[in-house]
PDB file of N, CA and C in Angstrom:
ATOM      1  N   UNK A   1     -84.032 -43.133 -21.985  1.00  0.00           N
ATOM      2  CA  UNK A   1     -83.545 -43.104 -20.625  1.00  0.00           C
ATOM      3  C   UNK A   1     -84.175 -44.256 -19.859  1.00  0.00           C
ATOM      4  N   UNK A   2     -83.364 -45.085 -19.255  1.00  0.00           N
ATOM      5  CA  UNK A   2     -83.833 -46.231 -18.504  1.00  0.00           C
ATOM      6  C   UNK A   2     -83.761 -45.924 -17.019  1.00  0.00           C
ATOM      7  N   UNK A   3     -84.804 -46.314 -16.294  1.00  0.00           N
ATOM      8  CA  UNK A   3     -84.784 -46.081 -14.849  1.00  0.00           C
ATOM      9  C   UNK A   3     -84.439 -47.370 -14.130  1.00  0.00           C
ATOM     10  N   UNK A   4     -83.798 -47.237 -12.992  1.00  0.00           N
ATOM     11  CA  UNK A   4     -83.435 -48.394 -12.175  1.00  0.00           C
ATOM     12  C   UNK A   4     -84.685 -48.967 -11.524  1.00  0.00           C
ATOM     13  N   UNK A   5     -84.650 -50.256 -11.199  1.00  0.00           N
ATOM     14  CA  UNK A   5     -85.769 -50.932 -10.534  1.00  0.00           C
ATOM     15  C   UNK A   5     -86.165 -50.167  -9.276  1.00  0.00           C
ATOM     16  N   UNK A   6     -87.456 -49.854  -9.143  1.00  0.00           N
ATOM     17  CA  UNK A   6     -87.952 -49.147  -7.966  1.00  0.00           C
ATOM     18  C   UNK A   6     -87.798 -47.638  -8.023  1.00  0.00           C
ATOM     19  N   UNK A   7     -87.077 -47.135  -9.014  1.00  0.00           N
ATOM     20  CA  UNK A   7     -86.881 -45.689  -9.137  1.00  0.00           C
ATOM     21  C   UNK A   7     -88.104 -45.060  -9.804  1.00  0.00           C
ATOM     22  N   UNK A   8     -88.510 -43.916  -9.305  1.00  0.00           N
ATOM     23  CA  UNK A   8     -89.654 -43.211  -9.873  1.00  0.00           C
ATOM     24  C   UNK A   8     -89.186 -42.009 -10.684  1.00  0.00           C
ATOM     25  N   UNK A   9     -89.896 -41.763 -11.759  1.00  0.00           N
ATOM     26  CA  UNK A   9     -89.685 -40.541 -12.525  1.00  0.00           C
ATOM     27  C   UNK A   9     -90.628 -39.497 -11.934  1.00  0.00           C
ATOM     28  N   UNK A  10     -90.134 -38.319 -11.647  1.00  0.00           N
ATOM     29  CA  UNK A  10     -90.971 -37.289 -11.033  1.00  0.00           C
ATOM     30  C   UNK A  10     -92.016 -36.785 -12.026  1.00  0.00           C
ATOM     31  N   UNK A  11     -93.257 -36.788 -11.585  1.00  0.00           N
ATOM     32  CA  UNK A  11     -94.365 -36.239 -12.367  1.00  0.00           C
ATOM     33  C   UNK A  11     -94.913 -35.053 -11.588  1.00  0.00           C
ATOM     34  N   UNK A  12     -95.106 -33.941 -12.286  1.00  0.00           N
ATOM     35  CA  UNK A  12     -95.646 -32.748 -11.629  1.00  0.00           C
ATOM     36  C   UNK A  12     -97.021 -32.424 -12.203  1.00  0.00           C
ATOM     37  N   UNK A  13     -97.885 -31.907 -11.329  1.00  0.00           N
ATOM     38  CA  UNK A  13     -99.208 -31.450 -11.740  1.00  0.00           C
ATOM     39  C   UNK A  13     -99.389 -30.014 -11.256  1.00  0.00           C
ATOM     40  N   UNK A  14    -100.268 -29.287 -11.912  1.00  0.00           N
ATOM     41  CA  UNK A  14    -100.519 -27.898 -11.530  1.00  0.00           C
ATOM     42  C   UNK A  14    -101.446 -27.873 -10.325  1.00  0.00           C
ATOM     43  N   UNK A  15    -101.007 -27.226  -9.263  1.00  0.00           N
ATOM     44  CA  UNK A  15    -101.777 -27.077  -8.029  1.00  0.00           C
ATOM     45  C   UNK A  15    -102.466 -25.714  -8.081  1.00  0.00           C
ATOM     46  N   UNK A  16    -103.795 -25.719  -8.171  1.00  0.00           N
ATOM     47  CA  UNK A  16    -104.521 -24.453  -8.288  1.00  0.00           C
ATOM     48  C   UNK A  16    -104.465 -23.631  -7.006  1.00  0.00           C
ATOM     49  N   UNK A  17    -104.223 -24.270  -5.864  1.00  0.00           N
ATOM     50  CA  UNK A  17    -104.134 -23.538  -4.599  1.00  0.00           C
ATOM     51  C   UNK A  17    -102.851 -22.704  -4.538  1.00  0.00           C
ATOM     52  N   UNK A  18    -101.716 -23.341  -4.868  1.00  0.00           N
ATOM     53  CA  UNK A  18    -100.431 -22.635  -4.815  1.00  0.00           C
ATOM     54  C   UNK A  18    -100.073 -21.980  -6.147  1.00  0.00           C
ATOM     55  N   UNK A  19    -100.796 -22.336  -7.190  1.00  0.00           N
ATOM     56  CA  UNK A  19    -100.532 -21.862  -8.554  1.00  0.00           C
ATOM     57  C   UNK A  19     -99.122 -22.201  -9.014  1.00  0.00           C
ATOM     58  N   UNK A  20     -98.703 -23.403  -8.636  1.00  0.00           N
ATOM     59  CA  UNK A  20     -97.371 -23.882  -9.025  1.00  0.00           C
ATOM     60  C   UNK A  20     -97.451 -25.353  -9.414  1.00  0.00           C
ATOM     61  N   UNK A  21     -96.443 -25.794 -10.156  1.00  0.00           N
ATOM     62  CA  UNK A  21     -96.321 -27.222 -10.431  1.00  0.00           C
ATOM     63  C   UNK A  21     -95.807 -27.905  -9.174  1.00  0.00           C
ATOM     64  N   UNK A  22     -96.463 -28.976  -8.779  1.00  0.00           N
ATOM     65  CA  UNK A  22     -96.075 -29.725  -7.584  1.00  0.00           C
ATOM     66  C   UNK A  22     -95.843 -31.182  -7.966  1.00  0.00           C
ATOM     67  N   UNK A  23     -94.815 -31.820  -7.412  1.00  0.00           N
ATOM     68  CA  UNK A  23     -94.602 -33.243  -7.700  1.00  0.00           C
ATOM     69  C   UNK A  23     -95.698 -34.094  -7.058  1.00  0.00           C
ATOM     70  N   UNK A  24     -96.079 -35.153  -7.738  1.00  0.00           N
ATOM     71  CA  UNK A  24     -97.059 -36.091  -7.185  1.00  0.00           C
ATOM     72  C   UNK A  24     -96.387 -36.868  -6.070  1.00  0.00           C
ATOM     73  N   UNK A  25     -97.034 -36.880  -4.908  1.00  0.00           N
ATOM     74  CA  UNK A  25     -96.525 -37.620  -3.752  1.00  0.00           C
ATOM     75  C   UNK A  25     -97.668 -38.447  -3.177  1.00  0.00           C
ATOM     76  N   UNK A  26     -97.567 -39.778  -3.236  1.00  0.00           N
ATOM     77  CA  UNK A  26     -98.623 -40.606  -2.644  1.00  0.00           C
ATOM     78  C   UNK A  26     -98.747 -40.316  -1.150  1.00  0.00           C
ATOM     79  N   UNK A  27     -99.972 -40.269  -0.643  1.00  0.00           N
ATOM     80  CA  UNK A  27    -100.195 -39.956   0.774  1.00  0.00           C
ATOM     81  C   UNK A  27     -99.520 -40.957   1.696  1.00  0.00           C
ATOM     82  N   UNK A  28     -99.597 -42.234   1.343  1.00  0.00           N
ATOM     83  CA  UNK A  28     -98.996 -43.254   2.205  1.00  0.00           C
ATOM     84  C   UNK A  28     -97.587 -43.619   1.747  1.00  0.00           C
ATOM     85  N   UNK A  29     -97.082 -42.876   0.773  1.00  0.00           N
ATOM     86  CA  UNK A  29     -95.741 -43.129   0.278  1.00  0.00           C
ATOM     87  C   UNK A  29     -95.641 -44.223  -0.766  1.00  0.00           C
ATOM     88  N   UNK A  30     -96.763 -44.920  -1.030  1.00  0.00           N
ATOM     89  CA  UNK A  30     -96.708 -46.044  -1.959  1.00  0.00           C
ATOM     90  C   UNK A  30     -97.673 -45.931  -3.133  1.00  0.00           C
ATOM     91  N   UNK A  31     -98.955 -45.757  -2.837  1.00  0.00           N
ATOM     92  CA  UNK A  31     -99.982 -45.852  -3.874  1.00  0.00           C
ATOM     93  C   UNK A  31    -100.649 -44.497  -4.113  1.00  0.00           C
ATOM     94  N   UNK A  32    -100.759 -44.119  -5.386  1.00  0.00           N
ATOM     95  CA  UNK A  32    -101.500 -42.919  -5.765  1.00  0.00           C
ATOM     96  C   UNK A  32    -102.947 -43.341  -5.993  1.00  0.00           C
ATOM     97  N   UNK A  33    -103.866 -42.739  -5.238  1.00  0.00           N
ATOM     98  CA  UNK A  33    -105.286 -43.043  -5.394  1.00  0.00           C
ATOM     99  C   UNK A  33    -105.914 -42.042  -6.356  1.00  0.00           C
ATOM    100  N   UNK A  34    -106.693 -42.562  -7.308  1.00  0.00           N
ATOM    101  CA  UNK A  34    -107.351 -41.711  -8.297  1.00  0.00           C
ATOM    102  C   UNK A  34    -108.837 -42.043  -8.290  1.00  0.00           C
ATOM    103  N   UNK A  35    -109.698 -41.028  -8.117  1.00  0.00           N
ATOM    104  CA  UNK A  35    -111.140 -41.222  -8.234  1.00  0.00           C
ATOM    105  C   UNK A  35    -111.610 -40.457  -9.451  1.00  0.00           C
ATOM    106  N   UNK A  36    -112.300 -41.153 -10.331  1.00  0.00           N
ATOM    107  CA  UNK A  36    -112.794 -40.546 -11.562  1.00  0.00           C
ATOM    108  C   UNK A  36    -114.314 -40.595 -11.558  1.00  0.00           C
ATOM    109  N   UNK A  37    -114.935 -39.439 -11.426  1.00  0.00           N
ATOM    110  CA  UNK A  37    -116.391 -39.366 -11.489  1.00  0.00           C
ATOM    111  C   UNK A  37    -116.778 -39.488 -12.956  1.00  0.00           C
ATOM    112  N   UNK A  38    -117.436 -40.558 -13.274  1.00  0.00           N
ATOM    113  CA  UNK A  38    -117.740 -40.876 -14.667  1.00  0.00           C
ATOM    114  C   UNK A  38    -118.796 -39.982 -15.284  1.00  0.00           C
ATOM    115  N   UNK A  39    -119.146 -40.273 -16.517  1.00  0.00           N
ATOM    116  CA  UNK A  39    -120.102 -39.431 -17.233  1.00  0.00           C
ATOM    117  C   UNK A  39    -121.523 -39.594 -16.696  1.00  0.00           C
ATOM    118  N   UNK A  40    -122.297 -38.543 -16.846  1.00  0.00           N
ATOM    119  CA  UNK A  40    -123.734 -38.604 -16.604  1.00  0.00           C
ATOM    120  C   UNK A  40    -124.367 -38.617 -17.987  1.00  0.00           C
ATOM    121  N   UNK A  41    -124.809 -39.777 -18.417  1.00  0.00           N
ATOM    122  CA  UNK A  41    -125.286 -39.962 -19.785  1.00  0.00           C
ATOM    123  C   UNK A  41    -126.808 -39.929 -19.798  1.00  0.00           C
ATOM    124  N   UNK A  42    -127.377 -38.936 -20.481  1.00  0.00           N
ATOM    125  CA  UNK A  42    -128.832 -38.805 -20.571  1.00  0.00           C
ATOM    126  C   UNK A  42    -129.385 -39.435 -21.842  1.00  0.00           C
ATOM    127  N   UNK A  43    -128.605 -39.478 -22.883  1.00  0.00           N
ATOM    128  CA  UNK A  43    -129.072 -39.985 -24.171  1.00  0.00           C
ATOM    129  C   UNK A  43    -128.079 -41.017 -24.660  1.00  0.00           C
ATOM    130  N   UNK A  44    -128.031 -41.211 -25.972  1.00  0.00           N
ATOM    131  CA  UNK A  44    -127.121 -42.185 -26.555  1.00  0.00           C
ATOM    132  C   UNK A  44    -125.682 -41.841 -26.181  1.00  0.00           C
ATOM    133  N   UNK A  45    -124.913 -42.873 -25.888  1.00  0.00           N
ATOM    134  CA  UNK A  45    -123.495 -42.666 -25.572  1.00  0.00           C
ATOM    135  C   UNK A  45    -122.767 -42.181 -26.829  1.00  0.00           C
ATOM    136  N   UNK A  46    -121.760 -41.346 -26.638  1.00  0.00           N
ATOM    137  CA  UNK A  46    -120.962 -40.849 -27.757  1.00  0.00           C
ATOM    138  C   UNK A  46    -119.505 -40.782 -27.321  1.00  0.00           C
ATOM    139  N   UNK A  47    -118.628 -40.445 -28.239  1.00  0.00           N
ATOM    140  CA  UNK A  47    -117.196 -40.464 -27.963  1.00  0.00           C
ATOM    141  C   UNK A  47    -116.821 -39.487 -26.843  1.00  0.00           C
ATOM    142  N   UNK A  48    -117.577 -38.431 -26.662  1.00  0.00           N
ATOM    143  CA  UNK A  48    -117.317 -37.490 -25.578  1.00  0.00           C
ATOM    144  C   UNK A  48    -117.464 -38.136 -24.211  1.00  0.00           C
ATOM    145  N   UNK A  49    -118.394 -39.109 -24.086  1.00  0.00           N
ATOM    146  CA  UNK A  49    -118.556 -39.831 -22.826  1.00  0.00           C
ATOM    147  C   UNK A  49    -117.330 -40.683 -22.522  1.00  0.00           C
ATOM    148  N   UNK A  50    -116.660 -41.135 -23.552  1.00  0.00           N
ATOM    149  CA  UNK A  50    -115.474 -41.974 -23.398  1.00  0.00           C
ATOM    150  C   UNK A  50    -114.281 -41.178 -22.864  1.00  0.00           C
ATOM    151  N   UNK A  51    -114.265 -39.880 -23.114  1.00  0.00           N
ATOM    152  CA  UNK A  51    -113.123 -39.031 -22.757  1.00  0.00           C
ATOM    153  C   UNK A  51    -112.746 -39.149 -21.285  1.00  0.00           C
ATOM    154  N   UNK A  52    -113.734 -39.131 -20.408  1.00  0.00           N
ATOM    155  CA  UNK A  52    -113.472 -39.207 -18.969  1.00  0.00           C
ATOM    156  C   UNK A  52    -112.682 -40.457 -18.623  1.00  0.00           C
ATOM    157  N   UNK A  53    -113.151 -41.594 -19.128  1.00  0.00           N
ATOM    158  CA  UNK A  53    -112.493 -42.861 -18.815  1.00  0.00           C
ATOM    159  C   UNK A  53    -111.130 -42.968 -19.488  1.00  0.00           C
ATOM    160  N   UNK A  54    -111.033 -42.453 -20.703  1.00  0.00           N
ATOM    161  CA  UNK A  54    -109.758 -42.493 -21.421  1.00  0.00           C
ATOM    162  C   UNK A  54    -108.681 -41.700 -20.688  1.00  0.00           C
ATOM    163  N   UNK A  55    -109.014 -40.479 -20.288  1.00  0.00           N
ATOM    164  CA  UNK A  55    -108.021 -39.631 -19.625  1.00  0.00           C
ATOM    165  C   UNK A  55    -107.590 -40.194 -18.277  1.00  0.00           C
ATOM    166  N   UNK A  56    -108.539 -40.703 -17.496  1.00  0.00           N
ATOM    167  CA  UNK A  56    -108.160 -41.267 -16.194  1.00  0.00           C
ATOM    168  C   UNK A  56    -107.292 -42.509 -16.373  1.00  0.00           C
ATOM    169  N   UNK A  57    -107.587 -43.314 -17.394  1.00  0.00           N
ATOM    170  CA  UNK A  57    -106.762 -44.491 -17.655  1.00  0.00           C
ATOM    171  C   UNK A  57    -105.370 -44.087 -18.134  1.00  0.00           C
ATOM    172  N   UNK A  58    -105.284 -43.040 -18.946  1.00  0.00           N
ATOM    173  CA  UNK A  58    -103.971 -42.557 -19.401  1.00  0.00           C
ATOM    174  C   UNK A  58    -103.130 -42.049 -18.231  1.00  0.00           C
ATOM    175  N   UNK A  59    -103.766 -41.353 -17.290  1.00  0.00           N
ATOM    176  CA  UNK A  59    -103.049 -40.878 -16.102  1.00  0.00           C
ATOM    177  C   UNK A  59    -102.532 -42.070 -15.304  1.00  0.00           C
ATOM    178  N   UNK A  60    -103.395 -43.082 -15.107  1.00  0.00           N
ATOM    179  CA  UNK A  60    -102.984 -44.277 -14.362  1.00  0.00           C
ATOM    180  C   UNK A  60    -101.801 -44.967 -15.045  1.00  0.00           C
ATOM    181  N   UNK A  61    -101.873 -45.110 -16.355  1.00  0.00           N
ATOM    182  CA  UNK A  61    -100.782 -45.761 -17.099  1.00  0.00           C
ATOM    183  C   UNK A  61     -99.484 -44.954 -17.021  1.00  0.00           C
ATOM    184  N   UNK A  62     -99.593 -43.630 -17.104  1.00  0.00           N
ATOM    185  CA  UNK A  62     -98.400 -42.780 -16.997  1.00  0.00           C
ATOM    186  C   UNK A  62     -97.765 -42.929 -15.621  1.00  0.00           C
ATOM    187  N   UNK A  63     -98.599 -42.995 -14.583  1.00  0.00           N
ATOM    188  CA  UNK A  63     -98.073 -43.192 -13.230  1.00  0.00           C
ATOM    189  C   UNK A  63     -97.357 -44.532 -13.116  1.00  0.00           C
ATOM    190  N   UNK A  64     -97.974 -45.583 -13.646  1.00  0.00           N
ATOM    191  CA  UNK A  64     -97.379 -46.922 -13.596  1.00  0.00           C
ATOM    192  C   UNK A  64     -96.046 -46.947 -14.336  1.00  0.00           C
ATOM    193  N   UNK A  65     -96.025 -46.362 -15.524  1.00  0.00           N
ATOM    194  CA  UNK A  65     -94.790 -46.345 -16.315  1.00  0.00           C
ATOM    195  C   UNK A  65     -93.706 -45.496 -15.653  1.00  0.00           C
ATOM    196  N   UNK A  66     -94.112 -44.580 -14.781  1.00  0.00           N
ATOM    197  CA  UNK A  66     -93.154 -43.720 -14.085  1.00  0.00           C
ATOM    198  C   UNK A  66     -92.706 -44.294 -12.752  1.00  0.00           C
ATOM    199  N   UNK A  67     -93.175 -45.510 -12.435  1.00  0.00           N
ATOM    200  CA  UNK A  67     -92.720 -46.179 -11.222  1.00  0.00           C
ATOM    201  C   UNK A  67     -93.651 -46.088 -10.028  1.00  0.00           C
ATOM    202  N   UNK A  68     -94.824 -45.485 -10.209  1.00  0.00           N
ATOM    203  CA  UNK A  68     -95.789 -45.385  -9.114  1.00  0.00           C
ATOM    204  C   UNK A  68     -96.739 -46.577  -9.142  1.00  0.00           C
ATOM    205  N   UNK A  69     -97.243 -46.943  -7.968  1.00  0.00           N
ATOM    206  CA  UNK A  69     -98.389 -47.844  -7.902  1.00  0.00           C
ATOM    207  C   UNK A  69     -99.607 -46.943  -7.891  1.00  0.00           C
ATOM    208  N   UNK A  70    -100.711 -47.413  -8.492  1.00  0.00           N
ATOM    209  CA  UNK A  70    -101.907 -46.572  -8.494  1.00  0.00           C
ATOM    210  C   UNK A  70    -103.157 -47.417  -8.330  1.00  0.00           C
ATOM    211  N   UNK A  71    -104.184 -46.790  -7.796  1.00  0.00           N
ATOM    212  CA  UNK A  71    -105.491 -47.408  -7.648  1.00  0.00           C
ATOM    213  C   UNK A  71    -106.491 -46.451  -8.273  1.00  0.00           C
ATOM    214  N   UNK A  72    -107.148 -46.903  -9.344  1.00  0.00           N
ATOM    215  CA  UNK A  72    -108.106 -46.072 -10.068  1.00  0.00           C
ATOM    216  C   UNK A  72    -109.517 -46.581  -9.802  1.00  0.00           C
ATOM    217  N   UNK A  73    -110.368 -45.708  -9.300  1.00  0.00           N
ATOM    218  CA  UNK A  73    -111.774 -46.021  -9.073  1.00  0.00           C
ATOM    219  C   UNK A  73    -112.586 -45.158 -10.035  1.00  0.00           C
ATOM    220  N   UNK A  74    -113.498 -45.796 -10.790  1.00  0.00           N
ATOM    221  CA  UNK A  74    -114.342 -45.074 -11.739  1.00  0.00           C
ATOM    222  C   UNK A  74    -115.805 -45.409 -11.475  1.00  0.00           C
ATOM    223  N   UNK A  75    -116.688 -44.504 -11.843  1.00  0.00           N
ATOM    224  CA  UNK A  75    -118.109 -44.785 -11.726  1.00  0.00           C
ATOM    225  C   UNK A  75    -118.854 -44.270 -12.942  1.00  0.00           C
ATOM    226  N   UNK A  76    -120.113 -44.642 -13.031  1.00  0.00           N
ATOM    227  CA  UNK A  76    -121.032 -44.074 -14.012  1.00  0.00           C
ATOM    228  C   UNK A  76    -122.164 -43.480 -13.191  1.00  0.00           C
ATOM    229  N   UNK A  77    -122.438 -42.208 -13.385  1.00  0.00           N
ATOM    230  CA  UNK A  77    -123.427 -41.517 -12.576  1.00  0.00           C
ATOM    231  C   UNK A  77    -124.838 -41.964 -12.935  1.00  0.00           C
ATOM    232  N   UNK A  78    -125.629 -42.253 -11.905  1.00  0.00           N
ATOM    233  CA  UNK A  78    -127.040 -42.576 -12.072  1.00  0.00           C
ATOM    234  C   UNK A  78    -127.790 -41.255 -12.079  1.00  0.00           C
ATOM    235  N   UNK A  79    -128.334 -40.882 -13.237  1.00  0.00           N
ATOM    236  CA  UNK A  79    -128.954 -39.564 -13.354  1.00  0.00           C
ATOM    237  C   UNK A  79    -130.203 -39.423 -12.496  1.00  0.00           C
ATOM    238  N   UNK A  80    -130.791 -40.503 -12.036  1.00  0.00           N
ATOM    239  CA  UNK A  80    -132.007 -40.434 -11.248  1.00  0.00           C
ATOM    240  C   UNK A  80    -131.802 -39.892  -9.851  1.00  0.00           C
ATOM    241  N   UNK A  81    -130.554 -39.780  -9.390  1.00  0.00           N
ATOM    242  CA  UNK A  81    -130.310 -39.337  -8.018  1.00  0.00           C
ATOM    243  C   UNK A  81    -130.268 -37.824  -7.858  1.00  0.00           C
ATOM    244  N   UNK A  82    -130.184 -37.094  -8.952  1.00  0.00           N
ATOM    245  CA  UNK A  82    -129.977 -35.654  -8.852  1.00  0.00           C
ATOM    246  C   UNK A  82    -131.272 -34.945  -8.457  1.00  0.00           C
ATOM    247  N   UNK A  83    -131.153 -33.902  -7.659  1.00  0.00           N
ATOM    248  CA  UNK A  83    -132.327 -33.231  -7.097  1.00  0.00           C
ATOM    249  C   UNK A  83    -133.256 -32.662  -8.164  1.00  0.00           C
ATOM    250  N   UNK A  84    -132.696 -32.128  -9.238  1.00  0.00           N
ATOM    251  CA  UNK A  84    -133.569 -31.572 -10.271  1.00  0.00           C
ATOM    252  C   UNK A  84    -134.320 -32.658 -11.034  1.00  0.00           C
ATOM    253  N   UNK A  85    -133.886 -33.917 -10.881  1.00  0.00           N
ATOM    254  CA  UNK A  85    -134.559 -35.046 -11.521  1.00  0.00           C
ATOM    255  C   UNK A  85    -135.508 -35.748 -10.558  1.00  0.00           C
ATOM    256  N   UNK A  86    -135.733 -35.155  -9.401  1.00  0.00           N
ATOM    257  CA  UNK A  86    -136.498 -35.830  -8.356  1.00  0.00           C
ATOM    258  C   UNK A  86    -137.879 -36.253  -8.835  1.00  0.00           C
ATOM    259  N   UNK A  87    -138.555 -35.383  -9.572  1.00  0.00           N
ATOM    260  CA  UNK A  87    -139.906 -35.699 -10.001  1.00  0.00           C
ATOM    261  C   UNK A  87    -139.937 -36.667 -11.171  1.00  0.00           C
ATOM    262  N   UNK A  88    -138.968 -36.575 -12.078  1.00  0.00           N
ATOM    263  CA  UNK A  88    -139.001 -37.425 -13.259  1.00  0.00           C
ATOM    264  C   UNK A  88    -137.583 -37.784 -13.692  1.00  0.00           C
ATOM    265  N   UNK A  89    -137.348 -39.060 -13.888  1.00  0.00           N
ATOM    266  CA  UNK A  89    -136.059 -39.553 -14.361  1.00  0.00           C
ATOM    267  C   UNK A  89    -135.924 -39.198 -15.839  1.00  0.00           C
ATOM    268  N   UNK A  90    -134.838 -38.526 -16.215  1.00  0.00           N
ATOM    269  CA  UNK A  90    -134.658 -38.072 -17.595  1.00  0.00           C
ATOM    270  C   UNK A  90    -134.572 -39.222 -18.589  1.00  0.00           C
ATOM    271  N   UNK A  91    -133.989 -40.331 -18.183  1.00  0.00           N
ATOM    272  CA  UNK A  91    -133.894 -41.480 -19.087  1.00  0.00           C
ATOM    273  C   UNK A  91    -135.279 -42.055 -19.351  1.00  0.00           C
ATOM    274  N   UNK A  92    -136.097 -42.176 -18.300  1.00  0.00           N
ATOM    275  CA  UNK A  92    -137.462 -42.680 -18.482  1.00  0.00           C
ATOM    276  C   UNK A  92    -138.291 -41.717 -19.328  1.00  0.00           C
ATOM    277  N   UNK A  93    -138.142 -40.417 -19.102  1.00  0.00           N
ATOM    278  CA  UNK A  93    -138.882 -39.423 -19.886  1.00  0.00           C
ATOM    279  C   UNK A  93    -138.502 -39.505 -21.361  1.00  0.00           C
ATOM    280  N   UNK A  94    -137.204 -39.613 -21.651  1.00  0.00           N
ATOM    281  CA  UNK A  94    -136.749 -39.702 -23.040  1.00  0.00           C
ATOM    282  C   UNK A  94    -137.234 -40.992 -23.687  1.00  0.00           C
ATOM    283  N   UNK A  95    -137.216 -42.096 -22.956  1.00  0.00           N
ATOM    284  CA  UNK A  95    -137.683 -43.368 -23.529  1.00  0.00           C
ATOM    285  C   UNK A  95    -139.177 -43.289 -23.858  1.00  0.00           C
ATOM    286  N   UNK A  96    -139.965 -42.579 -23.043  1.00  0.00           N
ATOM    287  CA  UNK A  96    -141.394 -42.396 -23.350  1.00  0.00           C
ATOM    288  C   UNK A  96    -141.565 -41.561 -24.615  1.00  0.00           C
ATOM    289  N   UNK A  97    -140.776 -40.490 -24.745  1.00  0.00           N
ATOM    290  CA  UNK A  97    -140.870 -39.650 -25.946  1.00  0.00           C
ATOM    291  C   UNK A  97    -140.534 -40.441 -27.208  1.00  0.00           C
ATOM    292  N   UNK A  98    -139.575 -41.353 -27.097  1.00  0.00           N
ATOM    293  CA  UNK A  98    -139.164 -42.161 -28.248  1.00  0.00           C
ATOM    294  C   UNK A  98    -139.978 -43.440 -28.379  1.00  0.00           C
ATOM    295  N   UNK A  99    -140.954 -43.620 -27.451  1.00  0.00           N
ATOM    296  CA  UNK A  99    -141.788 -44.824 -27.426  1.00  0.00           C
ATOM    297  C   UNK A  99    -140.933 -46.088 -27.413  1.00  0.00           C
ATOM    298  N   UNK A 100    -139.939 -46.069 -26.500  1.00  0.00           N
ATOM    299  CA  UNK A 100    -139.012 -47.195 -26.362  1.00  0.00           C
ATOM    300  C   UNK A 100    -139.041 -47.701 -24.932  1.00  0.00           C
ATOM    301  N   UNK A 101    -138.667 -48.955 -24.771  1.00  0.00           N
ATOM    302  CA  UNK A 101    -138.558 -49.553 -23.445  1.00  0.00           C
ATOM    303  C   UNK A 101    -137.198 -49.159 -22.859  1.00  0.00           C
ATOM    304  N   UNK A 102    -137.185 -48.549 -21.662  1.00  0.00           N
ATOM    305  CA  UNK A 102    -135.901 -48.117 -21.106  1.00  0.00           C
ATOM    306  C   UNK A 102    -135.052 -49.311 -20.744  1.00  0.00           C
TER     307      UNK A 102
END
């Protein structure tokens, strides 16, 4: 199925508030904004850490292919900012245990 220039294919997502599928509608009518809170990595990176970025990129690509403009913002969480880590940074503690330079 080919879409005409500028035509959007309707994409629906599950809305937990209404418990129904709702079509995606950009707030300003043009661009869908996506914020992806990245992984909080305490030890060696693994494929599970990649999942967050992979899924957000797949959503962005699906939106683009469906005729939407999108803006994707991603981050990597700094574990030192969390309140339970206030006294000791987990990355620094682990590097000391492994006798490695962080």
